[in-house]
């Protein structure tokens, strides 16, 4: 799936990119080997790009952004910046101090893992 594909190019902290290798196959085609994948035996290694030289950028609409946060289906029902529902954040003047960050997203993820029957309202998406 998409999430596991993206995770394969990131370290376990899901922030640091893994180094990538640029290789040339025997048939003349170029390939990029990233993450935990090994370089095929029929390839010549041309260049290795170390993780500190890589920037990962993801673009897409709000639904895609929600999917990348591990919150599929929340794009129209939950604020992507904080934990307000659509009914609450529909008032433009309303601001919530419970902003999503790595710590709050991880805490929510662990709570959902611990309680797989958690209701959508408690999951916040």
Foldseek 3Di string as FASTA:
>chain_A
DVQVVLVQQADPVSAFGAKKWWWAFPVRDIDIHGHPDDDDPRIDTDDIDGRVRDDDDDDDDQQVVCVNLVRHPLSCFADQFALDTCVQCVPVPDDDPRTDDPVVSVVLVVVCVVPVPDDCSSSSD
